[in-house]
Amino acid sequence: MMTDKNTFVLTDDDRRFIKTARKILANEKVQQMKQYVQHGDVSTYEHCLMVCLYAYMYAKRLKLKINIEALVKGALLHDFFLYDWHKGAFTRDGLHGFSHPVTAERNARNTFPLTLKERGIIINHMWPLTLTRLPRSKEAWLVCWADKYCSLKETLLKKPY
């Protein structure tokens, strides 16, 4: 919320968003995502951060009542697969496009305590490519949509952000 041209007022939701994001982003394994390119010149870390920001902005713009902690954790960890997918399309879990949500969810679950909703956000973010993994919460739909939007920007534009 803005009070005038140069002053922003943080809401309680904004503070919860920042607090949750800081906890996740401070993790040394999450910091490793900076090593891996997602699309174009954008790292997996930057991609997940932008997906998180867009998903939150959409929720605010649409005035949706959401679980902010679940949205932030799911968005920041949705591509927590920790490998360079450009070096090989197949991983131990299968073809990257289809399998990386499983890898990301496993890595996230082994690194952070996650609720079922947070695990669902991560595992279902690639719908409709993964037809049977339909997002089942508002938070999961927001992350799924923001992921598609950011991926398109990163793929089509050199400096999307």
C-alpha atoms as a PDB file:
ATOM      1  CA  MET A   1       0.000   0.000   0.000  1.00  0.00           C
ATOM      2  CA  MET A   2       1.321   3.487  -0.827  1.00  0.00           C
ATOM      3  CA  THR A   3       0.621   6.522   1.310  1.00  0.00           C
ATOM      4  CA  ASP A   4       2.234   9.034  -1.021  1.00  0.00           C
ATOM      5  CA  LYS A   5       4.587   9.061  -3.975  1.00  0.00           C
ATOM      6  CA  ASN A   6       7.680   7.916  -2.055  1.00  0.00           C
ATOM      7  CA  THR A   7       6.379   6.064   1.002  1.00  0.00           C
ATOM      8  CA  PHE A   8       5.283   2.452   1.215  1.00  0.00           C
ATOM      9  CA  VAL A   9       3.437   0.938   4.147  1.00  0.00           C
ATOM     10  CA  LEU A  10       3.952  -2.763   4.695  1.00  0.00           C
ATOM     11  CA  THR A  11       0.898  -4.758   5.679  1.00  0.00           C
ATOM     12  CA  ASP A  12       1.009  -7.664   8.122  1.00  0.00           C
ATOM     13  CA  ASP A  13       0.750  -9.976   5.100  1.00  0.00           C
ATOM     14  CA  ASP A  14       3.762  -8.273   3.500  1.00  0.00           C
ATOM     15  CA  ARG A  15       5.756  -8.744   6.701  1.00  0.00           C
ATOM     16  CA  ARG A  16       4.770 -12.433   6.852  1.00  0.00           C
ATOM     17  CA  PHE A  17       5.819 -12.789   3.187  1.00  0.00           C
ATOM     18  CA  ILE A  18       9.238 -11.219   3.862  1.00  0.00           C
ATOM     19  CA  LYS A  19       9.843 -13.189   7.069  1.00  0.00           C
ATOM     20  CA  THR A  20       9.020 -16.524   5.421  1.00  0.00           C
ATOM     21  CA  ALA A  21      11.053 -15.731   2.294  1.00  0.00           C
ATOM     22  CA  ARG A  22      14.104 -14.716   4.333  1.00  0.00           C
ATOM     23  CA  LYS A  23      14.104 -18.055   6.192  1.00  0.00           C
ATOM     24  CA  ILE A  24      14.013 -20.030   2.937  1.00  0.00           C
ATOM     25  CA  LEU A  25      16.450 -17.839   0.988  1.00  0.00           C
ATOM     26  CA  ALA A  26      19.045 -17.910   3.792  1.00  0.00           C
ATOM     27  CA  ASN A  27      19.407 -21.679   3.495  1.00  0.00           C
ATOM     28  CA  GLU A  28      22.741 -22.715   1.988  1.00  0.00           C
ATOM     29  CA  LYS A  29      21.166 -25.383  -0.260  1.00  0.00           C
ATOM     30  CA  VAL A  30      18.699 -22.812  -1.616  1.00  0.00           C
ATOM     31  CA  GLN A  31      21.657 -20.520  -2.307  1.00  0.00           C
ATOM     32  CA  GLN A  32      23.073 -23.303  -4.529  1.00  0.00           C
ATOM     33  CA  MET A  33      20.233 -22.616  -6.997  1.00  0.00           C
ATOM     34  CA  LYS A  34      22.236 -19.522  -8.050  1.00  0.00           C
ATOM     35  CA  GLN A  35      24.688 -21.911  -9.780  1.00  0.00           C
ATOM     36  CA  TYR A  36      22.121 -23.294 -12.211  1.00  0.00           C
ATOM     37  CA  VAL A  37      20.640 -21.588 -15.264  1.00  0.00           C
ATOM     38  CA  GLN A  38      16.884 -21.889 -15.568  1.00  0.00           C
ATOM     39  CA  HIS A  39      16.065 -20.039 -18.804  1.00  0.00           C
ATOM     40  CA  GLY A  40      18.282 -17.671 -20.814  1.00  0.00           C
ATOM     41  CA  ASP A  41      20.504 -15.794 -18.368  1.00  0.00           C
ATOM     42  CA  VAL A  42      18.192 -16.323 -15.386  1.00  0.00           C
ATOM     43  CA  SER A  43      19.306 -18.610 -12.576  1.00  0.00           C
ATOM     44  CA  THR A  44      16.971 -21.095 -10.925  1.00  0.00           C
ATOM     45  CA  TYR A  45      17.242 -18.961  -7.762  1.00  0.00           C
ATOM     46  CA  GLU A  46      16.137 -15.799  -9.611  1.00  0.00           C
ATOM     47  CA  HIS A  47      13.360 -17.688 -11.379  1.00  0.00           C
ATOM     48  CA  CYS A  48      11.940 -19.059  -8.117  1.00  0.00           C
ATOM     49  CA  LEU A  49      12.180 -15.636  -6.483  1.00  0.00           C
ATOM     50  CA  MET A  50      10.292 -14.002  -9.361  1.00  0.00           C
ATOM     51  CA  VAL A  51       7.630 -16.744  -9.367  1.00  0.00           C
ATOM     52  CA  CYS A  52       7.180 -16.117  -5.654  1.00  0.00           C
ATOM     53  CA  LEU A  53       6.850 -12.347  -6.123  1.00  0.00           C
ATOM     54  CA  TYR A  54       4.402 -12.632  -9.023  1.00  0.00           C
ATOM     55  CA  ALA A  55       2.274 -15.241  -7.255  1.00  0.00           C
ATOM     56  CA  TYR A  56       2.040 -13.000  -4.202  1.00  0.00           C
ATOM     57  CA  MET A  57       1.264  -9.908  -6.298  1.00  0.00           C
ATOM     58  CA  TYR A  58      -1.524 -11.794  -8.113  1.00  0.00           C
ATOM     59  CA  ALA A  59      -3.011 -12.920  -4.805  1.00  0.00           C
ATOM     60  CA  LYS A  60      -2.977  -9.354  -3.498  1.00  0.00           C
ATOM     61  CA  ARG A  61      -4.395  -7.879  -6.706  1.00  0.00           C
ATOM     62  CA  LEU A  62      -7.194 -10.457  -6.733  1.00  0.00           C
ATOM     63  CA  LYS A  63      -7.753  -9.969  -2.972  1.00  0.00           C
ATOM     64  CA  LEU A  64      -7.484 -13.711  -2.381  1.00  0.00           C
ATOM     65  CA  LYS A  65      -7.302 -15.125   1.104  1.00  0.00           C
ATOM     66  CA  ILE A  66      -4.277 -17.379   0.982  1.00  0.00           C
ATOM     67  CA  ASN A  67      -1.819 -19.126   3.256  1.00  0.00           C
ATOM     68  CA  ILE A  68       1.152 -16.809   2.712  1.00  0.00           C
ATOM     69  CA  GLU A  69       3.708 -19.160   4.262  1.00  0.00           C
ATOM     70  CA  ALA A  70       2.584 -22.018   2.005  1.00  0.00           C
ATOM     71  CA  LEU A  71       2.641 -19.788  -1.083  1.00  0.00           C
ATOM     72  CA  VAL A  72       6.150 -18.515  -0.322  1.00  0.00           C
ATOM     73  CA  LYS A  73       7.616 -21.928   0.545  1.00  0.00           C
ATOM     74  CA  GLY A  74       5.984 -23.605  -2.446  1.00  0.00           C
ATOM     75  CA  ALA A  75       7.012 -20.876  -4.875  1.00  0.00           C
ATOM     76  CA  LEU A  76      10.605 -20.548  -3.681  1.00  0.00           C
ATOM     77  CA  LEU A  77      11.104 -24.322  -3.675  1.00  0.00           C
ATOM     78  CA  HIS A  78       9.109 -25.315  -6.773  1.00  0.00           C
ATOM     79  CA  ASP A  79      12.321 -25.786  -8.818  1.00  0.00           C
ATOM     80  CA  PHE A  80      14.597 -26.917  -5.984  1.00  0.00           C
ATOM     81  CA  PHE A  81      16.065 -29.729  -8.099  1.00  0.00           C
ATOM     82  CA  LEU A  82      19.749 -28.640  -7.802  1.00  0.00           C
ATOM     83  CA  TYR A  83      21.181 -29.792 -11.112  1.00  0.00           C
ATOM     84  CA  ASP A  84      21.821 -28.335 -14.559  1.00  0.00           C
ATOM     85  CA  TRP A  85      18.906 -29.600 -16.617  1.00  0.00           C
ATOM     86  CA  HIS A  86      20.576 -28.332 -19.807  1.00  0.00           C
ATOM     87  CA  LYS A  87      23.272 -31.027 -19.556  1.00  0.00           C
ATOM     88  CA  GLY A  88      20.855 -33.915 -19.861  1.00  0.00           C
ATOM     89  CA  ALA A  89      17.122 -34.213 -20.280  1.00  0.00           C
ATOM     90  CA  PHE A  90      16.928 -37.455 -18.279  1.00  0.00           C
ATOM     91  CA  THR A  91      17.523 -37.732 -14.543  1.00  0.00           C
ATOM     92  CA  ARG A  92      17.129 -40.617 -12.125  1.00  0.00           C
ATOM     93  CA  ASP A  93      13.453 -39.628 -11.864  1.00  0.00           C
ATOM     94  CA  GLY A  94      12.889 -39.445 -15.646  1.00  0.00           C
ATOM     95  CA  LEU A  95      12.568 -36.700 -18.266  1.00  0.00           C
ATOM     96  CA  HIS A  96      13.275 -33.324 -16.614  1.00  0.00           C
ATOM     97  CA  GLY A  97      10.077 -31.527 -17.654  1.00  0.00           C
ATOM     98  CA  PHE A  98       7.953 -34.243 -16.090  1.00  0.00           C
ATOM     99  CA  SER A  99      10.189 -35.348 -13.218  1.00  0.00           C
ATOM    100  CA  HIS A 100      11.733 -32.217 -11.726  1.00  0.00           C
ATOM    101  CA  PRO A 101       8.703 -31.438  -9.519  1.00  0.00           C
ATOM    102  CA  VAL A 102       9.240 -34.823  -7.810  1.00  0.00           C
ATOM    103  CA  THR A 103      12.950 -34.109  -7.354  1.00  0.00           C
ATOM    104  CA  ALA A 104      12.264 -30.565  -6.105  1.00  0.00           C
ATOM    105  CA  GLU A 105       9.632 -31.793  -3.640  1.00  0.00           C
ATOM    106  CA  ARG A 106      11.954 -34.503  -2.300  1.00  0.00           C
ATOM    107  CA  ASN A 107      14.827 -32.010  -1.880  1.00  0.00           C
ATOM    108  CA  ALA A 108      12.497 -29.490  -0.224  1.00  0.00           C
ATOM    109  CA  ARG A 109      11.001 -32.114   2.113  1.00  0.00           C
ATOM    110  CA  ASN A 110      14.505 -33.285   3.097  1.00  0.00           C
ATOM    111  CA  THR A 111      15.635 -29.712   3.788  1.00  0.00           C
ATOM    112  CA  PHE A 112      12.578 -28.023   5.335  1.00  0.00           C
ATOM    113  CA  PRO A 113       9.494 -29.078   7.275  1.00  0.00           C
ATOM    114  CA  LEU A 114       6.647 -28.931   4.730  1.00  0.00           C
ATOM    115  CA  THR A 115       2.895 -29.178   5.018  1.00  0.00           C
ATOM    116  CA  LEU A 116       0.878 -31.273   2.556  1.00  0.00           C
ATOM    117  CA  LYS A 117      -0.266 -28.037   0.892  1.00  0.00           C
ATOM    118  CA  GLU A 118       3.347 -26.872   0.407  1.00  0.00           C
ATOM    119  CA  ARG A 119       4.333 -30.263  -1.011  1.00  0.00           C
ATOM    120  CA  GLY A 120       1.334 -30.086  -3.369  1.00  0.00           C
ATOM    121  CA  ILE A 121       2.335 -26.646  -4.621  1.00  0.00           C
ATOM    122  CA  ILE A 122       5.763 -27.973  -5.591  1.00  0.00           C
ATOM    123  CA  ILE A 123       4.647 -31.299  -7.048  1.00  0.00           C
ATOM    124  CA  ASN A 124       1.783 -29.809  -9.108  1.00  0.00           C
ATOM    125  CA  HIS A 125       3.409 -26.678 -10.531  1.00  0.00           C
ATOM    126  CA  MET A 126       4.022 -28.161 -13.997  1.00  0.00           C
ATOM    127  CA  TRP A 127       0.369 -28.708 -14.852  1.00  0.00           C
ATOM    128  CA  PRO A 128      -0.830 -29.060 -17.637  1.00  0.00           C
ATOM    129  CA  LEU A 129       2.391 -30.781 -18.804  1.00  0.00           C
ATOM    130  CA  THR A 130       1.921 -33.202 -15.929  1.00  0.00           C
ATOM    131  CA  LEU A 131      -1.748 -33.892 -16.647  1.00  0.00           C
ATOM    132  CA  THR A 132      -2.474 -35.973 -13.570  1.00  0.00           C
ATOM    133  CA  ARG A 133      -0.957 -33.448 -11.166  1.00  0.00           C
ATOM    134  CA  LEU A 134      -3.650 -30.799 -11.060  1.00  0.00           C
ATOM    135  CA  PRO A 135      -3.071 -27.915  -8.604  1.00  0.00           C
ATOM    136  CA  ARG A 136      -5.479 -28.354  -5.679  1.00  0.00           C
ATOM    137  CA  SER A 137      -5.280 -25.063  -3.803  1.00  0.00           C
ATOM    138  CA  LYS A 138      -5.369 -21.348  -4.585  1.00  0.00           C
ATOM    139  CA  GLU A 139      -1.707 -21.162  -3.674  1.00  0.00           C
ATOM    140  CA  ALA A 140      -0.829 -23.998  -6.062  1.00  0.00           C
ATOM    141  CA  TRP A 141      -2.770 -22.351  -8.907  1.00  0.00           C
ATOM    142  CA  LEU A 142      -1.026 -19.024  -8.269  1.00  0.00           C
ATOM    143  CA  VAL A 143       2.425 -20.636  -8.354  1.00  0.00           C
ATOM    144  CA  CYS A 144       1.536 -22.682 -11.447  1.00  0.00           C
ATOM    145  CA  TRP A 145       0.362 -19.579 -13.303  1.00  0.00           C
ATOM    146  CA  ALA A 146       3.263 -17.388 -12.134  1.00  0.00           C
ATOM    147  CA  ASP A 147       5.715 -20.119 -13.173  1.00  0.00           C
ATOM    148  CA  LYS A 148       4.313 -20.184 -16.708  1.00  0.00           C
ATOM    149  CA  TYR A 149       4.349 -16.386 -16.922  1.00  0.00           C
ATOM    150  CA  CYS A 150       7.931 -16.065 -15.665  1.00  0.00           C
ATOM    151  CA  SER A 151       9.154 -18.951 -17.838  1.00  0.00           C
ATOM    152  CA  LEU A 152       7.722 -17.282 -20.939  1.00  0.00           C
ATOM    153  CA  LYS A 153       9.347 -13.957 -20.038  1.00  0.00           C
ATOM    154  CA  GLU A 154      12.687 -15.631 -19.357  1.00  0.00           C
ATOM    155  CA  THR A 155      12.573 -17.621 -22.578  1.00  0.00           C
ATOM    156  CA  LEU A 156      11.396 -14.824 -24.882  1.00  0.00           C
ATOM    157  CA  LEU A 157      13.216 -11.809 -23.402  1.00  0.00           C
ATOM    158  CA  LYS A 158      16.922 -11.327 -22.730  1.00  0.00           C
ATOM    159  CA  LYS A 159      16.479  -9.283 -19.528  1.00  0.00           C
ATOM    160  CA  PRO A 160      12.933 -10.046 -18.386  1.00  0.00           C
ATOM    161  CA  TYR A 161      13.068  -8.414 -14.929  1.00  0.00           C
END
